[in-house]
């Protein structure tokens, strides 16, 4: 395990959050929010990535322009994270540099996700995102 991965694992334990380790540099963090969201935390030195898949945007998603505007407006609520589209997948993501990574900034990302996600998911419910994809994203 790399030094960065050791640091992240230590920060995960310190955060008190539940998590599972998938491989030496990847964990699934279980958020204590209303939707019981799961965040992928991955070390890709020199970056620590946080990614929370929210669903897939297929051709049936109505009013895409309004959705994109809503996502941009919701991004203003975050201090450390942002909505993004990866292929057809809508994700909430954040990143930190692994060099000088500390507990405060690590916890800030987790808190940022937890505090705003429930409200945002309600606002995104109009689009009925497909959470079980039939195609690769």
N, C-alpha and C. Protein backbone atom coordinates (compact mmCIF):
# COMPACT_ATOMS: atom_id res chain seq x y z
N UNK A 1 0.86 -1.18 0.00
CA UNK A 1 0.00 0.00 0.00
C UNK A 1 0.90 1.23 0.00
N UNK A 2 0.54 2.25 -0.79
CA UNK A 2 1.34 3.47 -0.86
C UNK A 2 1.14 4.30 0.40
N UNK A 3 2.04 5.24 0.58
CA UNK A 3 1.93 6.16 1.72
C UNK A 3 0.62 6.93 1.65
N UNK A 4 0.22 7.37 0.45
CA UNK A 4 -1.04 8.09 0.30
C UNK A 4 -2.22 7.22 0.69
N UNK A 5 -2.20 5.96 0.26
CA UNK A 5 -3.29 5.05 0.60
C UNK A 5 -3.34 4.81 2.11
N UNK A 6 -2.18 4.68 2.73
CA UNK A 6 -2.13 4.53 4.19
C UNK A 6 -2.75 5.74 4.88
N UNK A 7 -2.42 6.93 4.37
CA UNK A 7 -2.96 8.17 4.94
C UNK A 7 -4.48 8.22 4.80
N UNK A 8 -4.97 7.87 3.62
CA UNK A 8 -6.42 7.90 3.38
C UNK A 8 -7.12 6.90 4.29
N UNK A 9 -6.58 5.71 4.40
CA UNK A 9 -7.20 4.71 5.26
C UNK A 9 -7.24 5.20 6.71
N UNK A 10 -6.18 5.83 7.14
CA UNK A 10 -6.14 6.40 8.49
C UNK A 10 -7.21 7.48 8.66
N UNK A 11 -7.37 8.33 7.64
CA UNK A 11 -8.37 9.39 7.70
C UNK A 11 -9.79 8.82 7.69
N UNK A 12 -9.99 7.74 6.96
CA UNK A 12 -11.30 7.08 6.96
C UNK A 12 -11.64 6.55 8.34
N UNK A 13 -10.67 5.87 8.97
CA UNK A 13 -10.89 5.39 10.33
C UNK A 13 -11.18 6.55 11.27
N UNK A 14 -10.42 7.61 11.13
CA UNK A 14 -10.56 8.78 12.00
C UNK A 14 -11.90 9.48 11.83
N UNK A 15 -12.46 9.42 10.60
CA UNK A 15 -13.72 10.10 10.32
C UNK A 15 -14.90 9.43 11.04
N UNK A 16 -14.74 8.17 11.39
CA UNK A 16 -15.82 7.44 12.05
C UNK A 16 -16.86 6.91 11.10
N UNK A 17 -16.69 7.18 9.81
CA UNK A 17 -17.65 6.72 8.82
C UNK A 17 -17.43 5.23 8.52
N UNK A 18 -18.49 4.56 8.12
CA UNK A 18 -18.37 3.17 7.71
C UNK A 18 -17.79 3.13 6.31
N UNK A 19 -16.92 2.16 6.05
CA UNK A 19 -16.34 2.02 4.72
C UNK A 19 -15.91 0.58 4.50
N UNK A 20 -15.80 0.23 3.22
CA UNK A 20 -15.29 -1.06 2.80
C UNK A 20 -14.12 -0.80 1.87
N UNK A 21 -13.10 -1.62 1.96
CA UNK A 21 -11.95 -1.48 1.07
C UNK A 21 -12.12 -2.44 -0.10
N UNK A 22 -12.05 -1.90 -1.32
CA UNK A 22 -12.20 -2.72 -2.52
C UNK A 22 -10.87 -3.26 -3.01
N UNK A 23 -9.85 -2.43 -2.93
CA UNK A 23 -8.50 -2.82 -3.30
C UNK A 23 -7.55 -1.90 -2.52
N UNK A 24 -6.24 -2.03 -2.69
CA UNK A 24 -5.32 -1.24 -1.86
C UNK A 24 -5.46 0.28 -1.97
N UNK A 25 -6.10 0.78 -3.03
CA UNK A 25 -6.22 2.23 -3.18
C UNK A 25 -7.66 2.70 -3.36
N UNK A 26 -8.65 1.83 -3.11
CA UNK A 26 -10.05 2.19 -3.34
C UNK A 26 -10.93 1.73 -2.19
N UNK A 27 -11.80 2.65 -1.74
CA UNK A 27 -12.73 2.36 -0.65
C UNK A 27 -14.12 2.82 -1.05
N UNK A 28 -15.12 2.20 -0.45
CA UNK A 28 -16.50 2.67 -0.57
C UNK A 28 -16.87 3.25 0.78
N UNK A 29 -17.19 4.51 0.81
CA UNK A 29 -17.56 5.23 2.02
C UNK A 29 -19.08 5.28 2.08
N UNK A 30 -19.64 4.83 3.19
CA UNK A 30 -21.10 4.81 3.37
C UNK A 30 -21.51 6.06 4.15
N UNK A 31 -22.17 6.99 3.45
CA UNK A 31 -22.58 8.24 4.08
C UNK A 31 -23.79 8.03 4.97
N UNK A 32 -23.83 8.77 6.05
CA UNK A 32 -24.98 8.75 6.97
C UNK A 32 -25.95 9.85 6.56
N UNK A 33 -26.50 9.72 5.36
CA UNK A 33 -27.52 10.66 4.92
C UNK A 33 -28.81 9.91 4.66
N UNK A 34 -29.84 10.63 4.34
CA UNK A 34 -31.16 10.02 4.19
C UNK A 34 -31.18 8.96 3.10
N UNK A 35 -30.39 9.14 2.07
CA UNK A 35 -30.39 8.20 0.95
C UNK A 35 -29.34 7.10 1.09
N UNK A 36 -28.61 7.10 2.20
CA UNK A 36 -27.58 6.09 2.45
C UNK A 36 -26.64 5.97 1.24
N UNK A 37 -26.13 7.11 0.81
CA UNK A 37 -25.28 7.18 -0.37
C UNK A 37 -23.93 6.51 -0.13
N UNK A 38 -23.36 6.03 -1.22
CA UNK A 38 -22.04 5.41 -1.17
C UNK A 38 -21.09 6.19 -2.07
N UNK A 39 -19.96 6.55 -1.52
CA UNK A 39 -18.96 7.34 -2.24
C UNK A 39 -17.73 6.48 -2.50
N UNK A 40 -17.27 6.47 -3.73
CA UNK A 40 -16.03 5.80 -4.05
C UNK A 40 -14.89 6.78 -3.74
N UNK A 41 -13.95 6.34 -2.93
CA UNK A 41 -12.77 7.13 -2.57
C UNK A 41 -11.59 6.38 -3.15
N UNK A 42 -10.82 7.06 -4.04
CA UNK A 42 -9.74 6.38 -4.74
C UNK A 42 -8.49 7.24 -4.79
N UNK A 43 -7.37 6.63 -4.44
CA UNK A 43 -6.08 7.30 -4.56
C UNK A 43 -5.54 7.07 -5.96
N UNK A 44 -5.30 8.15 -6.68
CA UNK A 44 -4.61 8.12 -7.96
C UNK A 44 -3.55 9.20 -7.86
N UNK A 45 -2.47 8.87 -7.13
CA UNK A 45 -1.44 9.87 -6.85
C UNK A 45 -1.11 10.70 -8.07
N UNK A 46 -1.09 12.00 -7.91
CA UNK A 46 -1.07 12.80 -6.68
C UNK A 46 -2.45 13.30 -6.24
N UNK A 47 -3.51 12.61 -6.66
CA UNK A 47 -4.88 13.08 -6.38
C UNK A 47 -5.65 12.02 -5.60
N UNK A 48 -6.51 12.48 -4.70
CA UNK A 48 -7.49 11.64 -4.03
C UNK A 48 -8.84 12.00 -4.61
N UNK A 49 -9.51 11.03 -5.21
CA UNK A 49 -10.78 11.27 -5.88
C UNK A 49 -11.95 10.78 -5.04
N UNK A 50 -13.02 11.56 -5.03
CA UNK A 50 -14.28 11.19 -4.39
C UNK A 50 -15.31 11.17 -5.53
N UNK A 51 -16.07 10.10 -5.66
CA UNK A 51 -17.04 10.00 -6.74
C UNK A 51 -18.29 9.30 -6.24
N UNK A 52 -19.42 9.95 -6.46
CA UNK A 52 -20.70 9.39 -6.04
C UNK A 52 -21.60 9.32 -7.28
N UNK A 53 -21.76 8.13 -7.87
CA UNK A 53 -22.64 8.00 -9.03
C UNK A 53 -24.09 8.23 -8.62
N UNK A 54 -24.80 9.04 -9.39
CA UNK A 54 -26.19 9.36 -9.06
C UNK A 54 -27.19 8.74 -10.01
N UNK A 55 -26.76 8.39 -11.19
CA UNK A 55 -27.67 7.79 -12.15
C UNK A 55 -27.19 8.03 -13.56
N UNK A 56 -27.97 7.54 -14.51
CA UNK A 56 -27.60 7.63 -15.92
C UNK A 56 -28.56 8.53 -16.66
N UNK A 57 -28.01 9.33 -17.56
CA UNK A 57 -28.78 10.24 -18.38
C UNK A 57 -28.98 9.59 -19.74
N UNK A 58 -30.09 8.93 -19.92
CA UNK A 58 -30.32 8.33 -21.23
C UNK A 58 -31.20 9.27 -22.05
N UNK A 59 -31.56 8.84 -23.24
CA UNK A 59 -32.34 9.70 -24.14
C UNK A 59 -33.71 10.07 -23.60
N UNK A 60 -34.19 9.33 -22.60
CA UNK A 60 -35.51 9.61 -22.07
C UNK A 60 -35.50 10.75 -21.04
N UNK A 61 -34.31 11.24 -20.66
CA UNK A 61 -34.25 12.35 -19.71
C UNK A 61 -34.81 13.60 -20.39
N UNK A 62 -35.90 14.09 -19.84
CA UNK A 62 -36.59 15.24 -20.43
C UNK A 62 -35.95 16.55 -19.95
N UNK A 63 -36.10 17.57 -20.76
CA UNK A 63 -35.68 18.92 -20.40
C UNK A 63 -34.22 18.98 -19.96
N UNK A 64 -33.34 18.49 -20.82
CA UNK A 64 -31.91 18.46 -20.48
C UNK A 64 -31.35 19.84 -20.14
N UNK A 65 -31.75 20.85 -20.89
CA UNK A 65 -31.23 22.18 -20.62
C UNK A 65 -31.57 22.63 -19.20
N UNK A 66 -32.79 22.36 -18.76
CA UNK A 66 -33.19 22.71 -17.40
C UNK A 66 -32.40 21.89 -16.38
N UNK A 67 -32.15 20.61 -16.69
CA UNK A 67 -31.34 19.77 -15.81
C UNK A 67 -29.93 20.35 -15.69
N UNK A 68 -29.31 20.69 -16.81
CA UNK A 68 -27.95 21.22 -16.78
C UNK A 68 -27.89 22.54 -16.01
N UNK A 69 -28.88 23.38 -16.21
CA UNK A 69 -28.92 24.64 -15.45
C UNK A 69 -29.06 24.36 -13.95
N UNK A 70 -29.93 23.42 -13.61
CA UNK A 70 -30.12 23.06 -12.20
C UNK A 70 -28.82 22.55 -11.59
N UNK A 71 -28.11 21.68 -12.32
CA UNK A 71 -26.84 21.15 -11.81
C UNK A 71 -25.83 22.27 -11.58
N UNK A 72 -25.75 23.20 -12.50
CA UNK A 72 -24.82 24.32 -12.32
C UNK A 72 -25.22 25.18 -11.13
N UNK A 73 -26.52 25.40 -10.95
CA UNK A 73 -26.97 26.18 -9.79
C UNK A 73 -26.69 25.43 -8.49
N UNK A 74 -26.90 24.12 -8.48
CA UNK A 74 -26.63 23.33 -7.28
C UNK A 74 -25.14 23.29 -6.95
N UNK A 75 -24.29 23.35 -7.97
CA UNK A 75 -22.85 23.38 -7.72
C UNK A 75 -22.45 24.55 -6.82
N UNK A 76 -23.22 25.61 -6.87
CA UNK A 76 -22.91 26.78 -6.04
C UNK A 76 -23.05 26.48 -4.55
N UNK A 77 -23.81 25.43 -4.20
CA UNK A 77 -23.98 25.06 -2.79
C UNK A 77 -22.77 24.34 -2.23
N UNK A 78 -21.95 23.79 -3.10
CA UNK A 78 -20.80 23.01 -2.65
C UNK A 78 -19.57 23.89 -2.50
N UNK A 79 -18.77 23.56 -1.51
CA UNK A 79 -17.48 24.23 -1.37
C UNK A 79 -16.36 23.37 -1.93
N UNK A 80 -16.51 22.05 -1.88
CA UNK A 80 -15.41 21.15 -2.23
C UNK A 80 -15.76 20.14 -3.32
N UNK A 81 -16.99 20.10 -3.77
CA UNK A 81 -17.45 19.08 -4.70
C UNK A 81 -18.21 19.73 -5.85
N UNK A 82 -18.51 18.94 -6.89
CA UNK A 82 -19.25 19.46 -8.02
C UNK A 82 -19.93 18.31 -8.75
N UNK A 83 -21.04 18.64 -9.43
CA UNK A 83 -21.69 17.67 -10.30
C UNK A 83 -20.92 17.63 -11.61
N UNK A 84 -20.87 16.44 -12.19
CA UNK A 84 -20.20 16.26 -13.47
C UNK A 84 -20.94 15.17 -14.24
N UNK A 85 -20.67 15.13 -15.54
CA UNK A 85 -21.23 14.09 -16.38
C UNK A 85 -20.06 13.33 -16.98
N UNK A 86 -20.03 12.03 -16.71
CA UNK A 86 -19.00 11.14 -17.25
C UNK A 86 -19.69 10.20 -18.23
N UNK A 87 -19.55 10.46 -19.50
CA UNK A 87 -20.29 9.68 -20.50
C UNK A 87 -21.77 9.93 -20.30
N UNK A 88 -22.52 8.90 -19.96
CA UNK A 88 -23.95 9.05 -19.71
C UNK A 88 -24.27 9.10 -18.23
N UNK A 89 -23.24 9.04 -17.39
CA UNK A 89 -23.46 8.96 -15.94
C UNK A 89 -23.34 10.34 -15.29
N UNK A 90 -24.31 10.63 -14.43
CA UNK A 90 -24.25 11.84 -13.60
C UNK A 90 -23.57 11.47 -12.30
N UNK A 91 -22.52 12.21 -11.94
CA UNK A 91 -21.78 11.93 -10.71
C UNK A 91 -21.59 13.21 -9.93
N UNK A 92 -21.41 13.03 -8.66
CA UNK A 92 -20.99 14.09 -7.77
C UNK A 92 -19.56 13.75 -7.41
N UNK A 93 -18.63 14.68 -7.63
CA UNK A 93 -17.24 14.34 -7.42
C UNK A 93 -16.48 15.47 -6.75
N UNK A 94 -15.35 15.08 -6.18
CA UNK A 94 -14.45 16.02 -5.56
C UNK A 94 -13.05 15.45 -5.63
N UNK A 95 -12.07 16.29 -5.38
CA UNK A 95 -10.68 15.84 -5.44
C UNK A 95 -9.83 16.66 -4.48
N UNK A 96 -8.84 16.02 -3.95
CA UNK A 96 -7.84 16.67 -3.10
C UNK A 96 -6.47 16.19 -3.54
N UNK A 97 -5.47 17.01 -3.31
CA UNK A 97 -4.11 16.56 -3.54
C UNK A 97 -3.69 15.66 -2.39
N UNK A 98 -2.99 14.58 -2.71
CA UNK A 98 -2.57 13.66 -1.65
C UNK A 98 -1.41 14.22 -0.84
N UNK A 99 -0.62 15.08 -1.46
CA UNK A 99 0.48 15.69 -0.73
C UNK A 99 -0.10 16.65 0.31
N UNK A 100 0.32 16.52 1.54
CA UNK A 100 -0.14 17.37 2.64
C UNK A 100 -1.62 17.20 2.96
N UNK A 101 -2.18 16.07 2.60
CA UNK A 101 -3.58 15.78 2.90
C UNK A 101 -3.77 15.76 4.42
N UNK A 102 -4.79 16.48 4.89
CA UNK A 102 -5.02 16.47 6.34
C UNK A 102 -6.47 16.13 6.66
N UNK A 103 -6.69 15.83 7.91
CA UNK A 103 -8.00 15.37 8.37
C UNK A 103 -9.08 16.42 8.15
N UNK A 104 -8.76 17.70 8.32
CA UNK A 104 -9.77 18.75 8.18
C UNK A 104 -10.30 18.84 6.76
N UNK A 105 -9.42 18.83 5.77
CA UNK A 105 -9.91 18.94 4.40
C UNK A 105 -10.59 17.65 3.94
N UNK A 106 -10.13 16.51 4.42
CA UNK A 106 -10.77 15.24 4.13
C UNK A 106 -12.20 15.24 4.68
N UNK A 107 -12.34 15.64 5.94
CA UNK A 107 -13.66 15.69 6.57
C UNK A 107 -14.55 16.74 5.92
N UNK A 108 -13.96 17.83 5.43
CA UNK A 108 -14.75 18.88 4.77
C UNK A 108 -15.44 18.35 3.53
N UNK A 109 -14.77 17.52 2.76
CA UNK A 109 -15.40 16.94 1.57
C UNK A 109 -16.55 16.03 1.98
N UNK A 110 -16.32 15.19 2.97
CA UNK A 110 -17.37 14.28 3.43
C UNK A 110 -18.57 15.07 3.95
N UNK A 111 -18.31 16.08 4.77
CA UNK A 111 -19.40 16.91 5.31
C UNK A 111 -20.14 17.64 4.20
N UNK A 112 -19.41 18.14 3.22
CA UNK A 112 -20.01 18.85 2.09
C UNK A 112 -20.97 17.93 1.34
N UNK A 113 -20.54 16.70 1.12
CA UNK A 113 -21.42 15.73 0.45
C UNK A 113 -22.65 15.44 1.30
N UNK A 114 -22.43 15.13 2.55
CA UNK A 114 -23.52 14.71 3.43
C UNK A 114 -24.54 15.81 3.65
N UNK A 115 -24.08 17.05 3.87
CA UNK A 115 -24.99 18.14 4.23
C UNK A 115 -25.86 18.61 3.08
N UNK A 116 -25.40 18.47 1.84
CA UNK A 116 -26.18 19.02 0.74
C UNK A 116 -26.86 17.97 -0.13
N UNK A 117 -26.41 16.74 -0.05
CA UNK A 117 -26.89 15.74 -1.00
C UNK A 117 -28.38 15.43 -0.86
N UNK A 118 -28.89 15.27 0.32
CA UNK A 118 -30.31 14.93 0.47
C UNK A 118 -31.20 15.97 -0.18
N UNK A 119 -30.93 17.23 0.07
CA UNK A 119 -31.71 18.31 -0.52
C UNK A 119 -31.57 18.30 -2.04
N UNK A 120 -30.38 18.09 -2.53
CA UNK A 120 -30.15 18.09 -3.97
C UNK A 120 -30.85 16.93 -4.65
N UNK A 121 -30.80 15.75 -4.05
CA UNK A 121 -31.43 14.60 -4.69
C UNK A 121 -32.93 14.82 -4.84
N UNK A 122 -33.53 15.50 -3.88
CA UNK A 122 -34.95 15.83 -4.00
C UNK A 122 -35.18 16.77 -5.19
N UNK A 123 -34.28 17.72 -5.38
CA UNK A 123 -34.40 18.67 -6.49
C UNK A 123 -34.16 18.01 -7.83
N UNK A 124 -33.39 16.93 -7.85
CA UNK A 124 -33.10 16.22 -9.09
C UNK A 124 -34.12 15.12 -9.39
N UNK A 125 -35.04 14.89 -8.47
CA UNK A 125 -36.02 13.81 -8.63
C UNK A 125 -36.90 13.99 -9.86
N UNK A 126 -37.10 15.22 -10.31
CA UNK A 126 -37.92 15.48 -11.50
C UNK A 126 -37.42 14.72 -12.72
N UNK A 127 -36.12 14.46 -12.77
CA UNK A 127 -35.54 13.85 -13.96
C UNK A 127 -35.50 12.33 -13.91
N UNK A 128 -35.89 11.73 -12.82
CA UNK A 128 -35.97 10.27 -12.70
C UNK A 128 -34.77 9.59 -13.35
N UNK A 129 -33.60 9.86 -12.80
CA UNK A 129 -32.36 9.29 -13.33
C UNK A 129 -32.38 7.78 -13.20
N UNK A 130 -31.90 7.11 -14.21
CA UNK A 130 -31.83 5.65 -14.24
C UNK A 130 -30.64 5.22 -13.37
N UNK A 131 -30.91 4.56 -12.26
CA UNK A 131 -29.84 4.12 -11.37
C UNK A 131 -29.38 2.71 -11.67
N UNK A 132 -30.02 2.03 -12.59
CA UNK A 132 -29.59 0.68 -12.98
C UNK A 132 -29.36 0.69 -14.49
N UNK A 133 -28.14 0.96 -14.92
CA UNK A 133 -27.87 1.18 -16.35
C UNK A 133 -28.05 -0.10 -17.17
N UNK A 134 -28.45 0.12 -18.40
CA UNK A 134 -28.50 -0.99 -19.35
C UNK A 134 -27.35 -0.92 -20.32
N UNK A 135 -26.61 0.22 -20.30
CA UNK A 135 -25.45 0.38 -21.17
C UNK A 135 -24.26 0.83 -20.35
N UNK A 136 -23.08 0.67 -20.90
CA UNK A 136 -21.86 1.12 -20.22
C UNK A 136 -21.79 2.63 -20.25
N UNK A 137 -21.28 3.19 -19.16
CA UNK A 137 -21.11 4.64 -19.11
C UNK A 137 -19.67 4.99 -19.27
